[in-house]
Amino acid sequence: MVSTVAKNEEHEEYQYLNLVKRVLEEGETRDDRTGTGTRSIFAPPSLRFSLANATFPLITTKRTYLNGIVKELLWFISGKTDAKILSRQGVKIWDGNGSKEFLEKRGLGNRREGDLGPVYGFQWRHFGAEYVDCDADYEGQGVDQLRECIDKIKNNPTDRRIILSAWNPAAIPQMALPPCHMMCQFYVHTSSTPGTKNGLSCLMYQRSADLGLGIPFNIASYALLTHMIAHVTDTEPRELIIQLGDAHVYNNHVEALREQLLRDPKPFPTLTFMRKVESIDDFKDEDIKVEGYDPHPTISMKMSV
């Protein structure tokens, strides 16, 4: 039996746990690209996490891979698409999708191992540029959406087009894996009180949501991105909202998630930056400090590729 997760608990992690419980109990049995099989529901209610007071919504009912979250996000921001860059830093999460076998299966066997094609970071920083390979220099090519978002937050805060999109239909055939977290929109809460900073919220849409492994990672990644953008735009982080499309549990994650549902959340940690960073491109691993993270032990789940 799946544990009963209280609906009236105030801790925001219960939103995630209740969604997992619902998918396990009500999810439609579906085949999937990986051949693993899933239980799935479509378009559940949004997940909302406060980012105020330096809050960092890092899931606590199991240890979440913080080092991988930080390094992958910095890799996205750099615009790089070479999985080997992450692998050399000990982050292996893209190794399966960058393997020669996987690339050949996707019809991309002409690429060297690790070349993922024009995935997330490329679209964020060089949208519309012609992709050659992961070793080419794309400086000044395409639309730098991330830089445009930051400029609008600073100079046109009521703009309704502060959007960062990784979904580029023309480029999807070149990608080892089409983007799961497709796009996000930033919203600046303008302050009318002199001396008070504007607030910054982020709404992210994710077409395909692996609740066991992916979503804890994605929540933390977009929370971190919002905190970083708020830092360089001199705004106050306010809220992260995530809307999911296909929210699913892989069949080989069911028992692990049943175990996780037996655990009670602990307080979320806080996030601080160790120095004043002026440009989004200047962030380093060591600038990011997470304090007060005391999660339950790791629960092993296999990634489906």
Protein backbone atom coordinates (compact mmCIF):
# COMPACT_ATOMS: atom_id res chain seq x y z
CA MET A 1 0.00 0.00 0.00
CA VAL A 2 1.10 3.58 -0.68
CA SER A 3 1.38 5.64 2.49
CA THR A 4 -1.24 8.31 3.11
CA VAL A 5 0.32 11.73 2.71
CA ALA A 6 -1.59 14.38 4.64
CA LYS A 7 -3.29 16.90 2.36
CA ASN A 8 -3.29 19.70 4.90
CA GLU A 9 0.41 19.78 5.65
CA GLU A 10 2.00 23.18 5.10
CA HIS A 11 5.42 22.00 3.94
CA GLU A 12 5.63 22.66 0.21
CA GLU A 13 7.32 19.31 -0.46
CA TYR A 14 3.94 17.64 0.14
CA GLN A 15 2.82 19.01 -3.23
CA TYR A 16 5.43 16.76 -4.84
CA LEU A 17 4.73 13.78 -2.57
CA ASN A 18 0.97 14.01 -3.11
CA LEU A 19 1.51 14.12 -6.86
CA VAL A 20 3.67 10.98 -6.72
CA LYS A 21 0.99 9.27 -4.62
CA ARG A 22 -1.73 10.26 -7.07
CA VAL A 23 0.21 8.95 -10.07
CA LEU A 24 0.89 5.63 -8.32
CA GLU A 25 -2.78 5.22 -7.46
CA GLU A 26 -4.51 6.72 -10.51
CA GLY A 27 -1.93 6.80 -13.28
CA GLU A 28 -2.69 5.41 -16.73
CA THR A 29 -0.42 2.55 -17.81
CA ARG A 30 1.56 3.70 -20.83
CA ASP A 31 4.42 2.59 -23.04
CA ASP A 32 7.26 5.07 -23.43
CA ARG A 33 10.30 5.88 -25.54
CA THR A 34 12.72 4.05 -23.22
CA GLY A 35 10.77 0.78 -23.18
CA THR A 36 10.56 0.84 -19.37
CA GLY A 37 6.87 1.65 -19.11
CA THR A 38 5.19 4.26 -16.93
CA ARG A 39 2.16 5.23 -14.90
CA SER A 40 1.08 8.68 -16.09
CA ILE A 41 -1.38 11.52 -15.60
CA PHE A 42 -1.70 14.66 -17.69
CA ALA A 43 -1.54 18.29 -16.56
CA PRO A 44 -1.76 18.00 -12.77
CA PRO A 45 -2.12 21.21 -10.72
CA SER A 46 0.93 23.44 -10.69
CA LEU A 47 3.65 23.03 -8.08
CA ARG A 48 4.43 26.30 -6.28
CA PHE A 49 7.55 26.92 -4.20
CA SER A 50 8.45 30.07 -2.29
CA LEU A 51 11.95 31.40 -2.94
CA ALA A 52 11.62 34.21 -0.40
CA ASN A 53 14.17 34.63 2.39
CA ALA A 54 16.78 32.71 0.38
CA THR A 55 14.66 29.52 0.43
CA PHE A 56 15.97 26.76 -1.82
CA PRO A 57 13.37 24.01 -2.51
CA LEU A 58 15.68 21.02 -2.54
CA ILE A 59 13.66 17.83 -1.94
CA THR A 60 14.41 16.43 1.53
CA THR A 61 12.65 13.03 1.58
CA LYS A 62 15.71 11.69 -0.22
CA ARG A 63 19.14 13.18 -0.85
CA THR A 64 19.08 15.17 -4.08
CA TYR A 65 22.17 15.40 -6.29
CA LEU A 66 23.14 19.00 -5.57
CA ASN A 67 26.55 18.87 -7.25
CA GLY A 68 24.95 17.66 -10.47
CA ILE A 69 22.24 20.33 -10.32
CA VAL A 70 24.78 23.14 -9.96
CA LYS A 71 27.22 21.89 -12.58
CA GLU A 72 24.53 21.08 -15.14
CA LEU A 73 22.94 24.53 -14.78
CA LEU A 74 26.30 26.28 -15.19
CA TRP A 75 26.84 24.11 -18.28
CA PHE A 76 23.46 25.19 -19.69
CA ILE A 77 24.31 28.84 -19.01
CA SER A 78 27.63 28.43 -20.83
CA GLY A 79 25.74 27.33 -23.97
CA LYS A 80 27.82 24.15 -24.20
CA THR A 81 26.42 20.88 -25.59
CA ASP A 82 29.29 18.45 -24.93
CA ALA A 83 28.29 15.86 -22.31
CA LYS A 84 31.96 15.05 -21.76
CA ILE A 85 32.46 18.45 -20.10
CA LEU A 86 30.09 17.37 -17.35
CA SER A 87 31.41 13.82 -17.27
CA ARG A 88 34.95 15.06 -16.62
CA GLN A 89 33.55 16.94 -13.62
CA GLY A 90 32.09 13.73 -12.25
CA VAL A 91 28.52 14.45 -13.42
CA LYS A 92 27.44 11.47 -15.51
CA ILE A 93 23.74 12.27 -16.00
CA TRP A 94 24.08 12.89 -19.75
CA ASP A 95 26.50 10.03 -20.49
CA GLY A 96 23.75 7.62 -21.58
CA ASN A 97 22.20 10.09 -24.03
CA GLY A 98 25.63 11.03 -25.37
CA SER A 99 26.89 7.50 -25.89
CA LYS A 100 27.76 6.40 -29.41
CA GLU A 101 25.12 3.67 -29.22
CA PHE A 102 22.37 6.14 -28.27
CA LEU A 103 23.40 8.68 -30.90
CA GLU A 104 23.36 6.00 -33.58
CA LYS A 105 19.88 4.93 -32.46
CA ARG A 106 18.76 8.56 -32.89
CA GLY A 107 20.25 8.69 -36.40
CA LEU A 108 23.10 10.91 -35.19
CA GLY A 109 25.92 8.40 -35.55
CA ASN A 110 28.04 10.93 -37.45
CA ARG A 111 28.56 12.81 -34.19
CA ARG A 112 31.41 12.11 -31.83
CA GLU A 113 30.53 10.60 -28.46
CA GLY A 114 29.22 13.24 -26.08
CA ASP A 115 27.94 15.62 -28.79
CA LEU A 116 24.30 16.08 -27.78
CA GLY A 117 23.40 18.50 -30.56
CA PRO A 118 21.64 21.86 -30.04
CA VAL A 119 20.10 21.05 -26.65
CA TYR A 120 19.15 23.36 -23.76
CA GLY A 121 22.16 25.64 -23.41
CA PHE A 122 22.52 26.13 -27.15
CA GLN A 123 18.88 27.22 -27.44
CA TRP A 124 19.19 29.51 -24.42
CA ARG A 125 22.24 31.31 -25.78
CA HIS A 126 22.23 30.76 -29.59
CA PHE A 127 18.61 30.16 -30.62
CA GLY A 128 18.33 29.95 -34.41
CA ALA A 129 22.06 29.57 -35.08
CA GLU A 130 23.13 26.79 -37.44
CA TYR A 131 24.49 23.90 -35.38
CA VAL A 132 27.73 22.34 -36.60
CA ASP A 133 29.00 20.31 -33.66
CA CYS A 134 29.73 20.69 -29.96
CA ASP A 135 33.28 21.94 -30.61
CA ALA A 136 32.39 24.89 -32.86
CA ASP A 137 32.53 28.50 -31.67
CA TYR A 138 29.07 30.11 -31.74
CA GLU A 139 30.05 33.47 -30.25
CA GLY A 140 27.63 36.14 -31.47
CA GLN A 141 25.45 33.68 -33.38
CA GLY A 142 21.71 33.25 -32.89
CA VAL A 143 19.51 34.87 -30.26
CA ASP A 144 20.91 35.03 -26.73
CA GLN A 145 17.57 34.54 -24.98
CA LEU A 146 19.09 34.43 -21.51
CA ARG A 147 20.82 37.78 -21.95
CA GLU A 148 17.61 39.27 -23.39
CA CYS A 149 15.59 38.04 -20.38
CA ILE A 150 18.06 39.63 -17.99
CA ASP A 151 17.99 42.90 -19.93
CA LYS A 152 14.19 43.02 -19.86
CA ILE A 153 14.04 42.27 -16.12
CA LYS A 154 16.38 45.21 -15.55
CA ASN A 155 15.04 47.69 -18.10
CA ASN A 156 11.48 46.69 -19.04
CA PRO A 157 10.17 44.80 -16.01
CA THR A 158 6.48 44.79 -17.01
CA ASP A 159 7.24 43.10 -20.35
CA ARG A 160 5.08 39.99 -20.85
CA ARG A 161 7.65 38.39 -23.13
CA ILE A 162 10.44 37.61 -20.67
CA ILE A 163 10.62 34.06 -21.98
CA LEU A 164 13.41 31.50 -22.21
CA SER A 165 12.61 28.65 -24.63
CA ALA A 166 14.50 25.44 -25.29
CA TRP A 167 11.81 24.14 -27.66
CA ASN A 168 12.93 24.74 -31.25
CA PRO A 169 11.00 22.43 -33.63
CA ALA A 170 13.46 22.98 -36.49
CA ALA A 171 16.37 21.79 -34.35
CA ILE A 172 14.75 18.81 -32.59
CA PRO A 173 15.92 16.24 -35.21
CA GLN A 174 19.50 17.27 -34.38
CA MET A 175 19.11 16.83 -30.63
CA ALA A 176 20.08 13.65 -28.83
CA LEU A 177 17.10 14.29 -26.56
CA PRO A 178 14.39 16.93 -27.14
CA PRO A 179 13.94 19.25 -24.14
CA CYS A 180 11.69 18.03 -21.33
CA HIS A 181 11.64 21.38 -19.50
CA MET A 182 10.68 23.36 -22.57
CA MET A 183 10.34 26.97 -21.53
CA CYS A 184 9.99 29.38 -18.67
CA GLN A 185 8.57 32.87 -18.23
CA PHE A 186 9.81 35.40 -15.70
CA TYR A 187 7.53 37.89 -13.98
CA VAL A 188 8.79 40.99 -12.19
CA HIS A 189 6.70 42.11 -9.21
CA THR A 190 7.23 45.85 -9.41
CA SER A 191 7.58 47.71 -6.14
CA SER A 192 6.09 51.14 -5.56
CA THR A 193 7.88 51.57 -2.24
CA PRO A 194 11.08 53.63 -2.48
CA GLY A 195 14.15 51.62 -1.52
CA THR A 196 12.37 48.28 -1.93
CA LYS A 197 13.55 45.86 -4.59
CA ASN A 198 11.33 44.39 -7.28
CA GLY A 199 10.46 40.71 -6.89
CA LEU A 200 11.15 37.95 -9.42
CA SER A 201 9.07 34.83 -10.08
CA CYS A 202 9.50 32.08 -12.65
CA LEU A 203 6.90 29.84 -14.31
CA MET A 204 8.35 26.76 -15.99
CA TYR A 205 6.50 24.34 -18.29
CA GLN A 206 7.71 20.75 -18.55
CA ARG A 207 6.21 18.52 -21.24
CA SER A 208 7.63 15.26 -19.83
CA ALA A 209 8.17 14.84 -16.10
CA ASP A 210 9.97 11.86 -14.56
CA LEU A 211 8.72 12.20 -10.99
CA GLY A 212 11.26 9.85 -9.44
CA LEU A 213 14.55 11.23 -10.73
CA GLY A 214 13.85 14.24 -12.91
CA ILE A 215 11.42 16.47 -11.05
CA PRO A 216 13.41 16.88 -7.79
CA PHE A 217 16.35 17.86 -10.01
CA ASN A 218 14.27 20.25 -12.15
CA ILE A 219 12.65 22.00 -9.18
CA ALA A 220 16.06 22.74 -7.71
CA SER A 221 17.60 23.72 -11.05
CA TYR A 222 14.97 26.33 -11.90
CA ALA A 223 14.93 27.60 -8.32
CA LEU A 224 18.69 28.08 -8.58
CA LEU A 225 18.38 29.77 -12.00
CA THR A 226 15.77 32.17 -10.60
CA HIS A 227 17.96 32.99 -7.59
CA MET A 228 20.94 33.61 -9.90
CA ILE A 229 18.99 35.85 -12.27
CA ALA A 230 17.54 37.75 -9.31
CA HIS A 231 21.08 38.25 -8.00
CA VAL A 232 22.40 39.79 -11.23
CA THR A 233 19.27 41.92 -11.77
CA ASP A 234 19.11 43.20 -8.16
CA THR A 235 15.63 41.76 -7.60
CA GLU A 236 14.28 39.58 -4.78
CA PRO A 237 13.47 35.92 -5.57
CA ARG A 238 9.75 35.44 -4.99
CA GLU A 239 8.28 32.16 -6.31
CA LEU A 240 8.88 29.20 -8.63
CA ILE A 241 5.82 27.71 -10.32
CA ILE A 242 6.07 24.50 -12.34
CA GLN A 243 3.38 23.22 -14.70
CA LEU A 244 3.74 19.64 -15.88
CA GLY A 245 2.34 17.97 -18.98
CA ASP A 246 2.90 14.19 -18.89
CA ALA A 247 3.70 13.52 -15.21
CA HIS A 248 4.86 9.94 -14.88
CA VAL A 249 6.48 7.34 -12.68
CA TYR A 250 8.67 4.75 -14.38
CA ASN A 251 7.70 1.19 -13.51
CA ASN A 252 11.17 0.49 -12.12
CA HIS A 253 10.83 3.44 -9.68
CA VAL A 254 7.56 2.36 -8.04
CA GLU A 255 8.98 0.59 -5.00
CA ALA A 256 11.60 3.27 -4.38
CA LEU A 257 8.91 5.96 -4.43
CA ARG A 258 6.69 3.95 -2.08
CA GLU A 259 9.61 4.01 0.36
CA GLN A 260 10.04 7.76 -0.13
CA LEU A 261 6.37 8.40 0.61
CA LEU A 262 6.85 6.95 4.10
CA ARG A 263 9.16 9.84 4.99
CA ASP A 264 8.25 13.25 6.36
CA PRO A 265 9.83 16.33 4.77
CA LYS A 266 12.41 18.35 6.63
CA PRO A 267 12.93 22.13 6.35
CA PHE A 268 14.20 23.35 3.01
CA PRO A 269 17.76 24.70 3.02
CA THR A 270 18.78 28.25 2.17
CA LEU A 271 20.89 29.52 -0.71
CA THR A 272 23.52 32.23 -0.53
CA PHE A 273 26.09 33.58 -2.97
CA MET A 274 29.62 33.97 -1.68
CA ARG A 275 30.36 37.17 -3.62
CA LYS A 276 28.61 39.79 -5.70
CA VAL A 277 28.39 38.45 -9.25
CA GLU A 278 27.67 41.05 -11.92
CA SER A 279 27.11 38.83 -14.97
CA ILE A 280 25.25 35.52 -15.29
CA ASP A 281 28.29 34.18 -17.18
CA ASP A 282 30.61 34.79 -14.25
CA PHE A 283 29.05 32.37 -11.74
CA LYS A 284 31.35 29.57 -10.53
CA ASP A 285 30.60 26.45 -8.47
CA GLU A 286 32.22 27.97 -5.44
CA ASP A 287 29.95 31.04 -5.55
CA ILE A 288 26.92 28.92 -4.64
CA LYS A 289 26.46 27.89 -1.00
CA VAL A 290 23.55 25.79 0.26
CA GLU A 291 23.10 25.74 4.02
CA GLY A 292 20.91 23.66 6.31
CA TYR A 293 20.32 20.74 3.96
CA ASP A 294 19.64 17.68 6.13
CA PRO A 295 17.79 15.20 3.89
CA HIS A 296 16.73 11.63 4.46
CA PRO A 297 19.15 9.05 2.98
CA THR A 298 19.59 8.48 -0.74
CA ILE A 299 17.09 6.21 -2.50
CA SER A 300 18.57 4.59 -5.59
CA MET A 301 16.61 4.81 -8.85
CA LYS A 302 17.84 3.79 -12.30
CA MET A 303 17.74 6.38 -15.07
CA SER A 304 15.87 5.25 -18.17
CA VAL A 305 17.48 6.20 -21.48
